[in-house]
């Protein structure tokens, strides 16, 4: 049971890290804050 919880935690952490990387990529690619906000909102609506 502990192994399953550890795998679940690893998956959760990996997903959070990937989401953070995607948001950072959006920020770097956006010309301004308004564009970045729209892109992040679109990401959340997928």
N, C-alpha and C. Protein backbone atom coordinates (compact mmCIF):
# COMPACT_ATOMS: atom_id res chain seq x y z
N UNK A 1 0.83 -1.20 0.00
CA UNK A 1 0.00 0.00 0.00
C UNK A 1 0.87 1.26 0.00
N UNK A 2 1.97 1.26 0.77
CA UNK A 2 2.85 2.42 0.80
C UNK A 2 3.46 2.69 -0.57
N UNK A 3 3.78 1.60 -1.30
CA UNK A 3 4.36 1.77 -2.64
C UNK A 3 3.37 2.48 -3.56
N UNK A 4 2.11 2.11 -3.49
CA UNK A 4 1.09 2.75 -4.33
C UNK A 4 0.97 4.24 -3.98
N UNK A 5 1.03 4.56 -2.73
CA UNK A 5 0.93 5.96 -2.32
C UNK A 5 2.15 6.73 -2.82
N UNK A 6 3.31 6.11 -2.77
CA UNK A 6 4.51 6.77 -3.24
C UNK A 6 4.44 7.02 -4.74
N UNK A 7 3.96 6.05 -5.49
CA UNK A 7 3.81 6.23 -6.94
C UNK A 7 2.80 7.34 -7.21
N UNK A 8 1.73 7.37 -6.46
CA UNK A 8 0.73 8.42 -6.61
C UNK A 8 1.31 9.79 -6.33
N UNK A 9 2.11 9.89 -5.28
CA UNK A 9 2.75 11.16 -4.93
C UNK A 9 3.73 11.58 -6.02
N UNK A 10 4.48 10.63 -6.55
CA UNK A 10 5.43 10.94 -7.63
C UNK A 10 4.68 11.43 -8.85
N UNK A 11 3.58 10.78 -9.19
CA UNK A 11 2.79 11.21 -10.34
C UNK A 11 2.23 12.61 -10.13
N UNK A 12 1.76 12.88 -8.92
CA UNK A 12 1.22 14.20 -8.61
C UNK A 12 2.30 15.27 -8.72
N UNK A 13 3.45 15.00 -8.14
CA UNK A 13 4.56 15.96 -8.20
C UNK A 13 5.01 16.20 -9.64
N UNK A 14 5.06 15.13 -10.42
CA UNK A 14 5.47 15.26 -11.82
C UNK A 14 4.47 16.09 -12.61
N UNK A 15 3.19 15.86 -12.38
CA UNK A 15 2.16 16.63 -13.06
C UNK A 15 2.25 18.11 -12.68
N UNK A 16 2.45 18.40 -11.41
CA UNK A 16 2.58 19.79 -10.95
C UNK A 16 3.81 20.45 -11.57
N UNK A 17 4.91 19.72 -11.62
CA UNK A 17 6.13 20.26 -12.20
C UNK A 17 5.94 20.55 -13.69
N UNK A 18 5.29 19.63 -14.38
CA UNK A 18 5.03 19.83 -15.81
C UNK A 18 4.12 21.03 -16.05
N UNK A 19 3.13 21.20 -15.20
CA UNK A 19 2.22 22.34 -15.32
C UNK A 19 2.98 23.65 -15.09
N UNK A 20 3.85 23.65 -14.11
CA UNK A 20 4.65 24.84 -13.83
C UNK A 20 5.57 25.16 -15.01
N UNK A 21 6.17 24.13 -15.59
CA UNK A 21 7.03 24.35 -16.76
C UNK A 21 6.24 24.92 -17.94
N UNK A 22 5.03 24.41 -18.13
CA UNK A 22 4.19 24.90 -19.23
C UNK A 22 3.83 26.36 -19.00
N UNK A 23 3.49 26.73 -17.79
CA UNK A 23 3.15 28.13 -17.48
C UNK A 23 4.37 29.02 -17.69
N UNK A 24 5.55 28.56 -17.27
CA UNK A 24 6.77 29.33 -17.48
C UNK A 24 7.04 29.52 -18.97
N UNK A 25 6.82 28.48 -19.75
CA UNK A 25 6.98 28.56 -21.20
C UNK A 25 6.02 29.60 -21.79
N UNK A 26 4.78 29.58 -21.33
CA UNK A 26 3.78 30.55 -21.80
C UNK A 26 4.23 31.97 -21.46
N UNK A 27 4.71 32.17 -20.24
CA UNK A 27 5.17 33.50 -19.83
C UNK A 27 6.32 33.99 -20.71
N UNK A 28 7.24 33.09 -21.00
CA UNK A 28 8.39 33.47 -21.82
C UNK A 28 8.00 33.77 -23.27
N UNK A 29 6.95 33.12 -23.77
CA UNK A 29 6.54 33.29 -25.16
C UNK A 29 5.57 34.45 -25.36
N UNK A 30 4.98 34.94 -24.29
CA UNK A 30 3.95 35.98 -24.40
C UNK A 30 4.58 37.36 -24.50
N UNK A 31 3.92 38.21 -25.28
CA UNK A 31 4.44 39.58 -25.46
C UNK A 31 4.12 40.47 -24.26
N UNK A 32 3.04 40.14 -23.54
CA UNK A 32 2.68 40.93 -22.36
C UNK A 32 1.86 40.08 -21.39
N UNK A 33 1.57 40.67 -20.25
CA UNK A 33 0.86 39.94 -19.20
C UNK A 33 -0.55 39.53 -19.64
N UNK A 34 -1.22 40.40 -20.38
CA UNK A 34 -2.59 40.09 -20.82
C UNK A 34 -2.60 38.84 -21.72
N UNK A 35 -1.64 38.76 -22.62
CA UNK A 35 -1.56 37.59 -23.51
C UNK A 35 -1.25 36.33 -22.69
N UNK A 36 -0.34 36.47 -21.74
CA UNK A 36 0.02 35.33 -20.89
C UNK A 36 -1.19 34.83 -20.11
N UNK A 37 -1.97 35.76 -19.56
CA UNK A 37 -3.17 35.38 -18.81
C UNK A 37 -4.15 34.63 -19.69
N UNK A 38 -4.36 35.09 -20.90
CA UNK A 38 -5.28 34.43 -21.83
C UNK A 38 -4.81 33.01 -22.15
N UNK A 39 -3.52 32.87 -22.38
CA UNK A 39 -2.95 31.54 -22.70
C UNK A 39 -3.09 30.58 -21.52
N UNK A 40 -2.86 31.09 -20.31
CA UNK A 40 -3.01 30.23 -19.13
C UNK A 40 -4.47 29.85 -18.92
N UNK A 41 -5.38 30.79 -19.13
CA UNK A 41 -6.82 30.48 -19.03
C UNK A 41 -7.20 29.42 -20.04
N UNK A 42 -6.69 29.53 -21.26
CA UNK A 42 -6.97 28.54 -22.30
C UNK A 42 -6.43 27.17 -21.89
N UNK A 43 -5.26 27.16 -21.26
CA UNK A 43 -4.67 25.91 -20.79
C UNK A 43 -5.57 25.25 -19.75
N UNK A 44 -6.15 26.05 -18.88
CA UNK A 44 -7.03 25.52 -17.84
C UNK A 44 -8.35 24.98 -18.40
N UNK A 45 -8.77 25.52 -19.54
CA UNK A 45 -10.04 25.12 -20.13
C UNK A 45 -9.94 23.92 -21.07
N UNK A 46 -8.75 23.34 -21.19
CA UNK A 46 -8.58 22.17 -22.07
C UNK A 46 -9.20 20.95 -21.45
